[in-house]
């Protein structure tokens, strides 16, 4: 069988918005073929299919939505995670 999945992740060193990187990746059979990174600000393709999809997504509303996810998804959850970790240490 074939496996396709997407991963949202937030990489951070502190709870400050500038120190957070939001990454949204698509994988097919364990191979990442396209990624959105908030530090780049657009989709980047790593395979022939990924490059074609990146061009399409960067010219549509999806790229604008992903740019907002750093604040909407990461900033909120990093704050919750940091608060929970600090109160237990």
Protein backbone atom coordinates (compact mmCIF):
# COMPACT_ATOMS: atom_id res chain seq x y z
CA UNK A 1 0.00 0.00 0.00
CA UNK A 2 0.86 3.65 -0.21
CA UNK A 3 0.92 6.09 2.68
CA UNK A 4 0.23 9.83 2.40
CA UNK A 5 0.28 12.07 5.46
CA UNK A 6 0.75 15.69 6.50
CA UNK A 7 2.59 17.01 9.55
CA UNK A 8 2.19 20.39 11.29
CA UNK A 9 5.08 21.25 13.60
CA UNK A 10 6.40 24.18 15.57
CA UNK A 11 10.10 24.49 16.35
CA UNK A 12 10.99 26.96 19.07
CA UNK A 13 13.61 28.07 21.57
CA UNK A 14 11.35 30.43 23.49
CA UNK A 15 7.71 31.49 23.55
CA UNK A 16 8.48 34.69 21.60
CA UNK A 17 6.83 34.75 18.18
CA UNK A 18 10.13 35.61 16.44
CA UNK A 19 11.76 32.45 17.87
CA UNK A 20 9.08 30.10 16.48
CA UNK A 21 9.19 28.38 13.09
CA UNK A 22 6.01 26.80 11.71
CA UNK A 23 6.52 23.87 9.31
CA UNK A 24 3.79 22.08 7.33
CA UNK A 25 4.99 19.05 5.33
CA UNK A 26 3.43 16.49 2.99
CA UNK A 27 4.90 12.99 2.83
CA UNK A 28 4.29 10.11 0.46
CA UNK A 29 5.79 6.73 1.37
CA UNK A 30 8.05 8.39 3.98
CA UNK A 31 9.44 10.86 1.41
CA UNK A 32 8.79 14.55 2.04
CA UNK A 33 7.76 16.04 -1.28
CA UNK A 34 6.53 19.53 -0.31
CA UNK A 35 6.98 21.84 2.69
CA UNK A 36 5.78 25.22 3.89
CA UNK A 37 8.15 26.91 6.32
CA UNK A 38 7.32 30.21 8.00
CA UNK A 39 10.98 31.24 7.78
CA UNK A 40 10.83 30.93 3.96
CA UNK A 41 7.23 32.17 3.72
CA UNK A 42 6.19 29.90 0.88
CA UNK A 43 5.85 26.28 -0.24
CA UNK A 44 8.98 24.52 -1.52
CA UNK A 45 8.86 21.30 -3.52
CA UNK A 46 11.46 18.54 -3.21
CA UNK A 47 10.27 16.23 -5.99
CA UNK A 48 8.86 16.83 -9.48
CA UNK A 49 5.30 16.55 -8.15
CA UNK A 50 6.19 18.68 -5.12
CA UNK A 51 7.61 21.47 -7.26
CA UNK A 52 4.45 21.59 -9.42
CA UNK A 53 2.23 21.64 -6.32
CA UNK A 54 4.38 24.33 -4.67
CA UNK A 55 3.95 26.60 -7.70
CA UNK A 56 0.17 26.08 -7.63
CA UNK A 57 -0.12 26.60 -3.85
CA UNK A 58 2.11 29.69 -3.82
CA UNK A 59 -0.20 31.35 -6.36
CA UNK A 60 -3.40 30.66 -4.41
CA UNK A 61 -4.99 31.40 -1.05
CA UNK A 62 -3.33 28.41 0.67
CA UNK A 63 0.00 30.22 1.07
CA UNK A 64 -1.73 33.14 2.84
CA UNK A 65 -3.48 30.73 5.21
CA UNK A 66 -0.20 28.93 6.03
CA UNK A 67 1.58 32.22 6.75
CA UNK A 68 -1.03 32.97 9.42
CA UNK A 69 -0.64 29.54 11.06
CA UNK A 70 2.58 30.53 12.84
CA UNK A 71 0.64 32.93 15.04
CA UNK A 72 -2.67 31.06 15.07
CA UNK A 73 -1.39 27.52 15.66
CA UNK A 74 2.15 27.74 17.03
CA UNK A 75 2.12 30.87 19.16
CA UNK A 76 -0.94 29.69 21.09
CA UNK A 77 0.21 26.09 21.55
CA UNK A 78 3.81 26.97 22.41
CA UNK A 79 2.47 29.26 25.13
CA UNK A 80 0.29 26.48 26.52
CA UNK A 81 3.14 23.94 26.34
CA UNK A 82 5.68 26.31 27.94
CA UNK A 83 3.28 27.24 30.73
CA UNK A 84 2.53 23.58 31.49
CA UNK A 85 6.21 22.60 31.44
CA UNK A 86 7.32 25.50 33.65
CA UNK A 87 4.65 24.94 36.29
CA UNK A 88 5.72 21.28 36.65
CA UNK A 89 9.47 21.85 36.89
